[in-house]
PDB file of N, CA and C in Angstrom:
ATOM      1  N   MET A   1       0.847  -1.160   0.000  1.00  0.00           N
ATOM      2  CA  MET A   1       0.000   0.000   0.000  1.00  0.00           C
ATOM      3  C   MET A   1       0.902   1.236   0.000  1.00  0.00           C
ATOM      4  N   ASP A   2       0.768   2.080  -1.021  1.00  0.00           N
ATOM      5  CA  ASP A   2       1.631   3.241  -1.171  1.00  0.00           C
ATOM      6  C   ASP A   2       1.017   4.533  -0.634  1.00  0.00           C
ATOM      7  N   GLU A   3      -0.253   4.511  -0.265  1.00  0.00           N
ATOM      8  CA  GLU A   3      -0.886   5.730   0.218  1.00  0.00           C
ATOM      9  C   GLU A   3      -0.441   6.065   1.642  1.00  0.00           C
ATOM     10  N   VAL A   4      -0.495   7.355   1.973  1.00  0.00           N
ATOM     11  CA  VAL A   4      -0.200   7.787   3.335  1.00  0.00           C
ATOM     12  C   VAL A   4      -1.403   7.401   4.190  1.00  0.00           C
ATOM     13  N   LEU A   5      -1.132   6.634   5.244  1.00  0.00           N
ATOM     14  CA  LEU A   5      -2.213   6.166   6.097  1.00  0.00           C
ATOM     15  C   LEU A   5      -2.592   7.248   7.097  1.00  0.00           C
ATOM     16  N   THR A   6      -3.900   7.442   7.264  1.00  0.00           N
ATOM     17  CA  THR A   6      -4.441   8.423   8.193  1.00  0.00           C
ATOM     18  C   THR A   6      -5.462   7.731   9.083  1.00  0.00           C
ATOM     19  N   ARG A   7      -5.936   8.451  10.055  1.00  0.00           N
ATOM     20  CA  ARG A   7      -6.990   7.932  10.926  1.00  0.00           C
ATOM     21  C   ARG A   7      -8.172   7.446  10.080  1.00  0.00           C
ATOM     22  N   GLU A   8      -8.505   8.220   9.070  1.00  0.00           N
ATOM     23  CA  GLU A   8      -9.643   7.880   8.213  1.00  0.00           C
ATOM     24  C   GLU A   8      -9.441   6.559   7.470  1.00  0.00           C
ATOM     25  N   SER A   9      -8.188   6.178   7.236  1.00  0.00           N
ATOM     26  CA  SER A   9      -7.895   4.901   6.572  1.00  0.00           C
ATOM     27  C   SER A   9      -8.366   3.725   7.413  1.00  0.00           C
ATOM     28  N   PHE A  10      -8.397   3.906   8.736  1.00  0.00           N
ATOM     29  CA  PHE A  10      -8.704   2.811   9.651  1.00  0.00           C
ATOM     30  C   PHE A  10     -10.090   2.886  10.278  1.00  0.00           C
ATOM     31  N   GLU A  11     -10.735   4.047  10.239  1.00  0.00           N
ATOM     32  CA  GLU A  11     -12.039   4.196  10.883  1.00  0.00           C
ATOM     33  C   GLU A  11     -13.061   3.132  10.471  1.00  0.00           C
ATOM     34  N   PRO A  12     -13.137   2.745   9.190  1.00  0.00           N
ATOM     35  CA  PRO A  12     -14.129   1.716   8.819  1.00  0.00           C
ATOM     36  C   PRO A  12     -13.834   0.342   9.424  1.00  0.00           C
ATOM     37  N   HIS A  13     -12.637   0.166   9.981  1.00  0.00           N
ATOM     38  CA  HIS A  13     -12.224  -1.146  10.474  1.00  0.00           C
ATOM     39  C   HIS A  13     -12.296  -1.284  11.992  1.00  0.00           C
ATOM     40  N   VAL A  14     -12.727  -0.228  12.687  1.00  0.00           N
ATOM     41  CA  VAL A  14     -12.876  -0.325  14.143  1.00  0.00           C
ATOM     42  C   VAL A  14     -13.925  -1.398  14.439  1.00  0.00           C
ATOM     43  N   GLY A  15     -13.582  -2.301  15.350  1.00  0.00           N
ATOM     44  CA  GLY A  15     -14.465  -3.414  15.701  1.00  0.00           C
ATOM     45  C   GLY A  15     -14.221  -4.670  14.884  1.00  0.00           C
ATOM     46  N   LYS A  16     -13.385  -4.578  13.869  1.00  0.00           N
ATOM     47  CA  LYS A  16     -13.095  -5.730  13.018  1.00  0.00           C
ATOM     48  C   LYS A  16     -11.849  -6.471  13.504  1.00  0.00           C
ATOM     49  N   THR A  17     -11.793  -7.756  13.161  1.00  0.00           N
ATOM     50  CA  THR A  17     -10.685  -8.607  13.584  1.00  0.00           C
ATOM     51  C   THR A  17      -9.724  -8.837  12.430  1.00  0.00           C
ATOM     52  N   PHE A  18      -8.446  -8.663  12.731  1.00  0.00           N
ATOM     53  CA  PHE A  18      -7.360  -8.843  11.772  1.00  0.00           C
ATOM     54  C   PHE A  18      -6.596 -10.119  12.099  1.00  0.00           C
ATOM     55  N   ARG A  19      -6.224 -10.878  11.076  1.00  0.00           N
ATOM     56  CA  ARG A  19      -5.333 -12.028  11.250  1.00  0.00           C
ATOM     57  C   ARG A  19      -3.902 -11.515  11.085  1.00  0.00           C
ATOM     58  N   ILE A  20      -3.000 -12.035  11.923  1.00  0.00           N
ATOM     59  CA  ILE A  20      -1.607 -11.617  11.901  1.00  0.00           C
ATOM     60  C   ILE A  20      -0.808 -12.582  11.044  1.00  0.00           C
ATOM     61  N   GLY A  21      -0.385 -12.132   9.871  1.00  0.00           N
ATOM     62  CA  GLY A  21       0.422 -12.952   8.959  1.00  0.00           C
ATOM     63  C   GLY A  21      -0.177 -14.328   8.760  1.00  0.00           C
ATOM     64  N   ASN A  22       0.679 -15.353   8.804  1.00  0.00           N
ATOM     65  CA  ASN A  22       0.226 -16.734   8.650  1.00  0.00           C
ATOM     66  C   ASN A  22       0.054 -17.427   9.998  1.00  0.00           C
ATOM     67  N   SER A  23      -0.024 -16.650  11.067  1.00  0.00           N
ATOM     68  CA  SER A  23      -0.107 -17.241  12.405  1.00  0.00           C
ATOM     69  C   SER A  23      -1.557 -17.482  12.818  1.00  0.00           C
ATOM     70  N   HIS A  24      -1.718 -18.032  13.998  1.00  0.00           N
ATOM     71  CA  HIS A  24      -3.053 -18.247  14.562  1.00  0.00           C
ATOM     72  C   HIS A  24      -3.550 -17.011  15.309  1.00  0.00           C
ATOM     73  N   HIS A  25      -2.717 -16.001  15.419  1.00  0.00           N
ATOM     74  CA  HIS A  25      -3.060 -14.796  16.177  1.00  0.00           C
ATOM     75  C   HIS A  25      -4.066 -13.924  15.425  1.00  0.00           C
ATOM     76  N   THR A  26      -4.952 -13.323  16.209  1.00  0.00           N
ATOM     77  CA  THR A  26      -5.868 -12.319  15.676  1.00  0.00           C
ATOM     78  C   THR A  26      -5.896 -11.141  16.639  1.00  0.00           C
ATOM     79  N   LEU A  27      -6.130  -9.961  16.092  1.00  0.00           N
ATOM     80  CA  LEU A  27      -6.264  -8.744  16.877  1.00  0.00           C
ATOM     81  C   LEU A  27      -7.501  -7.996  16.412  1.00  0.00           C
ATOM     82  N   THR A  28      -8.242  -7.463  17.363  1.00  0.00           N
ATOM     83  CA  THR A  28      -9.409  -6.646  17.050  1.00  0.00           C
ATOM     84  C   THR A  28      -9.052  -5.185  17.251  1.00  0.00           C
ATOM     85  N   LEU A  29      -9.327  -4.366  16.238  1.00  0.00           N
ATOM     86  CA  LEU A  29      -9.096  -2.930  16.357  1.00  0.00           C
ATOM     87  C   LEU A  29     -10.207  -2.358  17.228  1.00  0.00           C
ATOM     88  N   VAL A  30      -9.868  -1.919  18.447  1.00  0.00           N
ATOM     89  CA  VAL A  30     -10.897  -1.463  19.380  1.00  0.00           C
ATOM     90  C   VAL A  30     -11.108   0.040  19.380  1.00  0.00           C
ATOM     91  N   ARG A  31     -10.057   0.800  19.061  1.00  0.00           N
ATOM     92  CA  ARG A  31     -10.235   2.251  19.000  1.00  0.00           C
ATOM     93  C   ARG A  31      -9.040   2.915  18.311  1.00  0.00           C
ATOM     94  N   ILE A  32      -9.255   4.180  17.960  1.00  0.00           N
ATOM     95  CA  ILE A  32      -8.200   5.006  17.381  1.00  0.00           C
ATOM     96  C   ILE A  32      -8.068   6.227  18.275  1.00  0.00           C
ATOM     97  N   GLU A  33      -6.862   6.459  18.781  1.00  0.00           N
ATOM     98  CA  GLU A  33      -6.601   7.609  19.637  1.00  0.00           C
ATOM     99  C   GLU A  33      -5.861   8.677  18.835  1.00  0.00           C
ATOM    100  N   THR A  34      -6.274   9.917  19.002  1.00  0.00           N
ATOM    101  CA  THR A  34      -5.584  11.031  18.346  1.00  0.00           C
ATOM    102  C   THR A  34      -5.315  12.122  19.375  1.00  0.00           C
ATOM    103  N   ARG A  35      -4.442  13.005  19.028  1.00  0.00           N
ATOM    104  CA  ARG A  35      -4.232  14.209  19.825  1.00  0.00           C
ATOM    105  C   ARG A  35      -4.380  15.387  18.881  1.00  0.00           C
ATOM    106  N   PRO A  36      -4.748  16.535  19.420  1.00  0.00           N
ATOM    107  CA  PRO A  36      -4.871  17.702  18.544  1.00  0.00           C
ATOM    108  C   PRO A  36      -3.517  18.021  17.908  1.00  0.00           C
ATOM    109  N   ILE A  37      -3.559  18.384  16.657  1.00  0.00           N
ATOM    110  CA  ILE A  37      -2.331  18.751  15.960  1.00  0.00           C
ATOM    111  C   ILE A  37      -1.996  20.207  16.313  1.00  0.00           C
ATOM    112  N   GLU A  38      -0.742  20.436  16.596  1.00  0.00           N
ATOM    113  CA  GLU A  38      -0.272  21.779  16.953  1.00  0.00           C
ATOM    114  C   GLU A  38      -0.292  22.665  15.704  1.00  0.00           C
ATOM    115  N   PRO A  39      -0.514  23.958  15.876  1.00  0.00           N
ATOM    116  CA  PRO A  39      -0.539  24.861  14.719  1.00  0.00           C
ATOM    117  C   PRO A  39       0.717  24.776  13.862  1.00  0.00           C
ATOM    118  N   TRP A  40       1.896  24.660  14.494  1.00  0.00           N
ATOM    119  CA  TRP A  40       3.136  24.591  13.714  1.00  0.00           C
ATOM    120  C   TRP A  40       3.202  23.306  12.908  1.00  0.00           C
ATOM    121  N   GLU A  41       2.624  22.212  13.439  1.00  0.00           N
ATOM    122  CA  GLU A  41       2.597  20.943  12.703  1.00  0.00           C
ATOM    123  C   GLU A  41       1.691  21.064  11.475  1.00  0.00           C
ATOM    124  N   GLN A  42       0.558  21.705  11.680  1.00  0.00           N
ATOM    125  CA  GLN A  42      -0.375  21.913  10.576  1.00  0.00           C
ATOM    126  C   GLN A  42       0.246  22.815   9.515  1.00  0.00           C
ATOM    127  N   ALA A  43       0.989  23.828   9.947  1.00  0.00           N
ATOM    128  CA  ALA A  43       1.601  24.783   9.015  1.00  0.00           C
ATOM    129  C   ALA A  43       2.615  24.118   8.097  1.00  0.00           C
ATOM    130  N   ILE A  44       3.282  23.074   8.582  1.00  0.00           N
ATOM    131  CA  ILE A  44       4.271  22.402   7.723  1.00  0.00           C
ATOM    132  C   ILE A  44       3.704  21.147   7.060  1.00  0.00           C
ATOM    133  N   GLY A  45       2.396  20.921   7.225  1.00  0.00           N
ATOM    134  CA  GLY A  45       1.736  19.851   6.488  1.00  0.00           C
ATOM    135  C   GLY A  45       1.826  18.467   7.099  1.00  0.00           C
ATOM    136  N   LEU A  46       2.097  18.379   8.401  1.00  0.00           N
ATOM    137  CA  LEU A  46       2.155  17.060   9.034  1.00  0.00           C
ATOM    138  C   LEU A  46       0.749  16.491   9.217  1.00  0.00           C
ATOM    139  N   ARG A  47       0.641  15.187   9.116  1.00  0.00           N
ATOM    140  CA  ARG A  47      -0.655  14.562   9.365  1.00  0.00           C
ATOM    141  C   ARG A  47      -0.912  14.546  10.872  1.00  0.00           C
ATOM    142  N   THR A  48      -2.164  14.406  11.233  1.00  0.00           N
ATOM    143  CA  THR A  48      -2.528  14.309  12.637  1.00  0.00           C
ATOM    144  C   THR A  48      -2.023  12.983  13.183  1.00  0.00           C
ATOM    145  N   PRO A  49      -1.214  13.003  14.251  1.00  0.00           N
ATOM    146  CA  PRO A  49      -0.713  11.754  14.829  1.00  0.00           C
ATOM    147  C   PRO A  49      -1.860  10.940  15.421  1.00  0.00           C
ATOM    148  N   PHE A  50      -1.735   9.617  15.346  1.00  0.00           N
ATOM    149  CA  PHE A  50      -2.769   8.749  15.916  1.00  0.00           C
ATOM    150  C   PHE A  50      -2.168   7.408  16.293  1.00  0.00           C
ATOM    151  N   ASN A  51      -2.863   6.722  17.191  1.00  0.00           N
ATOM    152  CA  ASN A  51      -2.502   5.371  17.613  1.00  0.00           C
ATOM    153  C   ASN A  51      -3.677   4.446  17.363  1.00  0.00           C
ATOM    154  N   LEU A  52      -3.394   3.300  16.794  1.00  0.00           N
ATOM    155  CA  LEU A  52      -4.395   2.242  16.684  1.00  0.00           C
ATOM    156  C   LEU A  52      -4.245   1.375  17.922  1.00  0.00           C
ATOM    157  N   ILE A  53      -5.349   1.079  18.589  1.00  0.00           N
ATOM    158  CA  ILE A  53      -5.327   0.225  19.768  1.00  0.00           C
ATOM    159  C   ILE A  53      -6.057  -1.074  19.408  1.00  0.00           C
ATOM    160  N   PHE A  54      -5.312  -2.174  19.531  1.00  0.00           N
ATOM    161  CA  PHE A  54      -5.834  -3.499  19.220  1.00  0.00           C
ATOM    162  C   PHE A  54      -5.962  -4.310  20.501  1.00  0.00           C
ATOM    163  N   ARG A  55      -6.854  -5.296  20.503  1.00  0.00           N
ATOM    164  CA  ARG A  55      -6.988  -6.218  21.625  1.00  0.00           C
ATOM    165  C   ARG A  55      -6.831  -7.639  21.104  1.00  0.00           C
ATOM    166  N   GLY A  56      -6.013  -8.396  21.818  1.00  0.00           N
ATOM    167  CA  GLY A  56      -5.825  -9.814  21.522  1.00  0.00           C
ATOM    168  C   GLY A  56      -6.026 -10.624  22.791  1.00  0.00           C
ATOM    169  N   THR A  57      -5.842 -11.921  22.693  1.00  0.00           N
ATOM    170  CA  THR A  57      -5.984 -12.779  23.860  1.00  0.00           C
ATOM    171  C   THR A  57      -4.723 -12.704  24.711  1.00  0.00           C
ATOM    172  N   GLY A  58      -4.879 -12.950  25.993  1.00  0.00           N
ATOM    173  CA  GLY A  58      -3.750 -12.915  26.911  1.00  0.00           C
ATOM    174  C   GLY A  58      -2.948 -14.206  26.854  1.00  0.00           C
ATOM    175  N   GLY A  59      -1.734 -14.142  27.354  1.00  0.00           N
ATOM    176  CA  GLY A  59      -0.912 -15.330  27.497  1.00  0.00           C
ATOM    177  C   GLY A  59      -0.031 -15.684  26.321  1.00  0.00           C
ATOM    178  N   ASP A  60      -0.453 -15.379  25.129  1.00  0.00           N
ATOM    179  CA  ASP A  60       0.301 -15.717  23.923  1.00  0.00           C
ATOM    180  C   ASP A  60       0.619 -14.407  23.201  1.00  0.00           C
ATOM    181  N   VAL A  61       1.578 -13.671  23.740  1.00  0.00           N
ATOM    182  CA  VAL A  61       1.858 -12.306  23.287  1.00  0.00           C
ATOM    183  C   VAL A  61       2.575 -12.312  21.936  1.00  0.00           C
ATOM    184  N   ILE A  62       2.112 -11.454  21.056  1.00  0.00           N
ATOM    185  CA  ILE A  62       2.731 -11.278  19.744  1.00  0.00           C
ATOM    186  C   ILE A  62       3.981 -10.415  19.930  1.00  0.00           C
ATOM    187  N   ALA A  63       5.076 -10.820  19.323  1.00  0.00           N
ATOM    188  CA  ALA A  63       6.329 -10.087  19.447  1.00  0.00           C
ATOM    189  C   ALA A  63       6.218  -8.708  18.794  1.00  0.00           C
ATOM    190  N   GLU A  64       6.866  -7.734  19.399  1.00  0.00           N
ATOM    191  CA  GLU A  64       6.931  -6.400  18.825  1.00  0.00           C
ATOM    192  C   GLU A  64       7.640  -6.459  17.485  1.00  0.00           C
ATOM    193  N   GLY A  65       7.111  -5.735  16.497  1.00  0.00           N
ATOM    194  CA  GLY A  65       7.756  -5.664  15.201  1.00  0.00           C
ATOM    195  C   GLY A  65       6.762  -5.467  14.075  1.00  0.00           C
ATOM    196  N   MET A  66       7.277  -5.565  12.842  1.00  0.00           N
ATOM    197  CA  MET A  66       6.430  -5.422  11.652  1.00  0.00           C
ATOM    198  C   MET A  66       5.614  -6.686  11.452  1.00  0.00           C
ATOM    199  N   HIS A  67       4.323  -6.486  11.217  1.00  0.00           N
ATOM    200  CA  HIS A  67       3.411  -7.604  10.982  1.00  0.00           C
ATOM    201  C   HIS A  67       2.427  -7.214   9.893  1.00  0.00           C
ATOM    202  N   ARG A  68       2.016  -8.184   9.114  1.00  0.00           N
ATOM    203  CA  ARG A  68       0.938  -7.966   8.160  1.00  0.00           C
ATOM    204  C   ARG A  68      -0.370  -8.299   8.861  1.00  0.00           C
ATOM    205  N   LEU A  69      -1.265  -7.319   8.921  1.00  0.00           N
ATOM    206  CA  LEU A  69      -2.579  -7.502   9.516  1.00  0.00           C
ATOM    207  C   LEU A  69      -3.582  -7.526   8.384  1.00  0.00           C
ATOM    208  N   ALA A  70      -4.337  -8.613   8.302  1.00  0.00           N
ATOM    209  CA  ALA A  70      -5.256  -8.792   7.175  1.00  0.00           C
ATOM    210  C   ALA A  70      -6.682  -9.031   7.658  1.00  0.00           C
ATOM    211  N   LEU A  71      -7.614  -8.387   6.980  1.00  0.00           N
ATOM    212  CA  LEU A  71      -9.031  -8.612   7.222  1.00  0.00           C
ATOM    213  C   LEU A  71      -9.528  -9.756   6.346  1.00  0.00           C
ATOM    214  N   GLU A  72     -10.678 -10.277   6.700  1.00  0.00           N
ATOM    215  CA  GLU A  72     -11.269 -11.386   5.949  1.00  0.00           C
ATOM    216  C   GLU A  72     -11.516 -11.024   4.486  1.00  0.00           C
ATOM    217  N   ASP A  73     -11.805  -9.737   4.203  1.00  0.00           N
ATOM    218  CA  ASP A  73     -12.109  -9.316   2.834  1.00  0.00           C
ATOM    219  C   ASP A  73     -10.859  -9.122   1.968  1.00  0.00           C
ATOM    220  N   GLY A  74      -9.664  -9.376   2.553  1.00  0.00           N
ATOM    221  CA  GLY A  74      -8.424  -9.255   1.794  1.00  0.00           C
ATOM    222  C   GLY A  74      -7.681  -7.961   2.011  1.00  0.00           C
ATOM    223  N   THR A  75      -8.323  -6.966   2.621  1.00  0.00           N
ATOM    224  CA  THR A  75      -7.641  -5.724   2.959  1.00  0.00           C
ATOM    225  C   THR A  75      -6.528  -6.032   3.940  1.00  0.00           C
ATOM    226  N   SER A  76      -5.331  -5.488   3.705  1.00  0.00           N
ATOM    227  CA  SER A  76      -4.232  -5.740   4.639  1.00  0.00           C
ATOM    228  C   SER A  76      -3.366  -4.500   4.794  1.00  0.00           C
ATOM    229  N   PHE A  77      -2.675  -4.464   5.930  1.00  0.00           N
ATOM    230  CA  PHE A  77      -1.773  -3.372   6.260  1.00  0.00           C
ATOM    231  C   PHE A  77      -0.511  -3.975   6.864  1.00  0.00           C
ATOM    232  N   ASP A  78       0.650  -3.457   6.486  1.00  0.00           N
ATOM    233  CA  ASP A  78       1.906  -3.824   7.131  1.00  0.00           C
ATOM    234  C   ASP A  78       2.163  -2.764   8.189  1.00  0.00           C
ATOM    235  N   LEU A  79       2.073  -3.176   9.462  1.00  0.00           N
ATOM    236  CA  LEU A  79       2.169  -2.234  10.565  1.00  0.00           C
ATOM    237  C   LEU A  79       3.202  -2.680  11.592  1.00  0.00           C
ATOM    238  N   TYR A  80       3.827  -1.713  12.236  1.00  0.00           N
ATOM    239  CA  TYR A  80       4.690  -1.994  13.370  1.00  0.00           C
ATOM    240  C   TYR A  80       3.775  -2.037  14.588  1.00  0.00           C
ATOM    241  N   VAL A  81       3.714  -3.193  15.221  1.00  0.00           N
ATOM    242  CA  VAL A  81       2.802  -3.418  16.336  1.00  0.00           C
ATOM    243  C   VAL A  81       3.623  -3.742  17.575  1.00  0.00           C
ATOM    244  N   ASN A  82       3.233  -3.141  18.708  1.00  0.00           N
ATOM    245  CA  ASN A  82       3.917  -3.503  19.943  1.00  0.00           C
ATOM    246  C   ASN A  82       2.914  -3.717  21.067  1.00  0.00           C
ATOM    247  N   PRO A  83       3.196  -4.703  21.928  1.00  0.00           N
ATOM    248  CA  PRO A  83       2.324  -4.939  23.074  1.00  0.00           C
ATOM    249  C   PRO A  83       2.464  -3.789  24.070  1.00  0.00           C
ATOM    250  N   VAL A  84       1.376  -3.467  24.757  1.00  0.00           N
ATOM    251  CA  VAL A  84       1.388  -2.422  25.771  1.00  0.00           C
ATOM    252  C   VAL A  84       0.857  -3.000  27.076  1.00  0.00           C
ATOM    253  N   HIS A  85       1.182  -2.337  28.164  1.00  0.00           N
ATOM    254  CA  HIS A  85       0.717  -2.788  29.473  1.00  0.00           C
ATOM    255  C   HIS A  85      -0.804  -2.930  29.454  1.00  0.00           C
ATOM    256  N   THR A  86      -1.286  -4.091  29.880  1.00  0.00           N
ATOM    257  CA  THR A  86      -2.717  -4.372  29.888  1.00  0.00           C
ATOM    258  C   THR A  86      -3.104  -4.936  31.246  1.00  0.00           C
ATOM    259  N   PRO A  87      -3.767  -4.150  32.089  1.00  0.00           N
ATOM    260  CA  PRO A  87      -4.092  -4.627  33.432  1.00  0.00           C
ATOM    261  C   PRO A  87      -5.192  -5.692  33.475  1.00  0.00           C
ATOM    262  N   MET A  88      -6.012  -5.779  32.459  1.00  0.00           N
ATOM    263  CA  MET A  88      -7.102  -6.756  32.428  1.00  0.00           C
ATOM    264  C   MET A  88      -6.557  -8.159  32.170  1.00  0.00           C
ATOM    265  N   ARG A  89      -6.940  -9.113  33.000  1.00  0.00           N
ATOM    266  CA  ARG A  89      -6.532 -10.503  32.796  1.00  0.00           C
ATOM    267  C   ARG A  89      -7.260 -11.084  31.584  1.00  0.00           C
ATOM    268  N   GLY A  90      -6.585 -11.998  30.899  1.00  0.00           N
ATOM    269  CA  GLY A  90      -7.215 -12.693  29.782  1.00  0.00           C
ATOM    270  C   GLY A  90      -7.169 -11.956  28.463  1.00  0.00           C
ATOM    271  N   GLN A  91      -6.555 -10.808  28.431  1.00  0.00           N
ATOM    272  CA  GLN A  91      -6.416 -10.072  27.165  1.00  0.00           C
ATOM    273  C   GLN A  91      -5.079  -9.373  27.137  1.00  0.00           C
ATOM    274  N   GLN A  92      -4.650  -9.021  25.938  1.00  0.00           N
ATOM    275  CA  GLN A  92      -3.413  -8.272  25.734  1.00  0.00           C
ATOM    276  C   GLN A  92      -3.699  -7.189  24.717  1.00  0.00           C
ATOM    277  N   ASN A  93      -3.362  -5.952  25.060  1.00  0.00           N
ATOM    278  CA  ASN A  93      -3.541  -4.850  24.126  1.00  0.00           C
ATOM    279  C   ASN A  93      -2.243  -4.552  23.403  1.00  0.00           C
ATOM    280  N   TYR A  94      -2.387  -3.992  22.218  1.00  0.00           N
ATOM    281  CA  TYR A  94      -1.272  -3.638  21.348  1.00  0.00           C
ATOM    282  C   TYR A  94      -1.547  -2.278  20.769  1.00  0.00           C
ATOM    283  N   GLN A  95      -0.490  -1.625  20.295  1.00  0.00           N
ATOM    284  CA  GLN A  95      -0.688  -0.359  19.602  1.00  0.00           C
ATOM    285  C   GLN A  95       0.200  -0.278  18.373  1.00  0.00           C
ATOM    286  N   SER A  96      -0.254   0.522  17.454  1.00  0.00           N
ATOM    287  CA  SER A  96       0.516   0.878  16.274  1.00  0.00           C
ATOM    288  C   SER A  96       0.428   2.389  16.166  1.00  0.00           C
ATOM    289  N   SER A  97       1.581   3.064  16.209  1.00  0.00           N
ATOM    290  CA  SER A  97       1.609   4.526  16.271  1.00  0.00           C
ATOM    291  C   SER A  97       1.987   5.140  14.941  1.00  0.00           C
ATOM    292  N   PHE A  98       1.343   6.245  14.634  1.00  0.00           N
ATOM    293  CA  PHE A  98       1.593   7.014  13.412  1.00  0.00           C
ATOM    294  C   PHE A  98       1.868   8.453  13.800  1.00  0.00           C
ATOM    295  N   ASN A  99       3.074   8.915  13.544  1.00  0.00           N
ATOM    296  CA  ASN A  99       3.436  10.296  13.876  1.00  0.00           C
ATOM    297  C   ASN A  99       3.325  11.191  12.671  1.00  0.00           C
TER     298      ASN A  99
END
């Protein structure tokens, strides 16, 4: 995918489950977090930074790194995914950050 990814690229996929490469792992996109863009960032044409927050099952943590995340319809994204602290038992959250 050669397009610049934005929050809008992922909004239709919130609540959907992605398969991770050829593994048995799946992640559900649960939300997209953004922060307001600073005026100086907007002036130089930077995109609004955002984080994708995914939820997976606990206990079998996916290693931090580049992964292909694919939807059932064939849509896929190559994203750098990292596990984040998750206080809830039985689940593991992950994020993919876009600056």
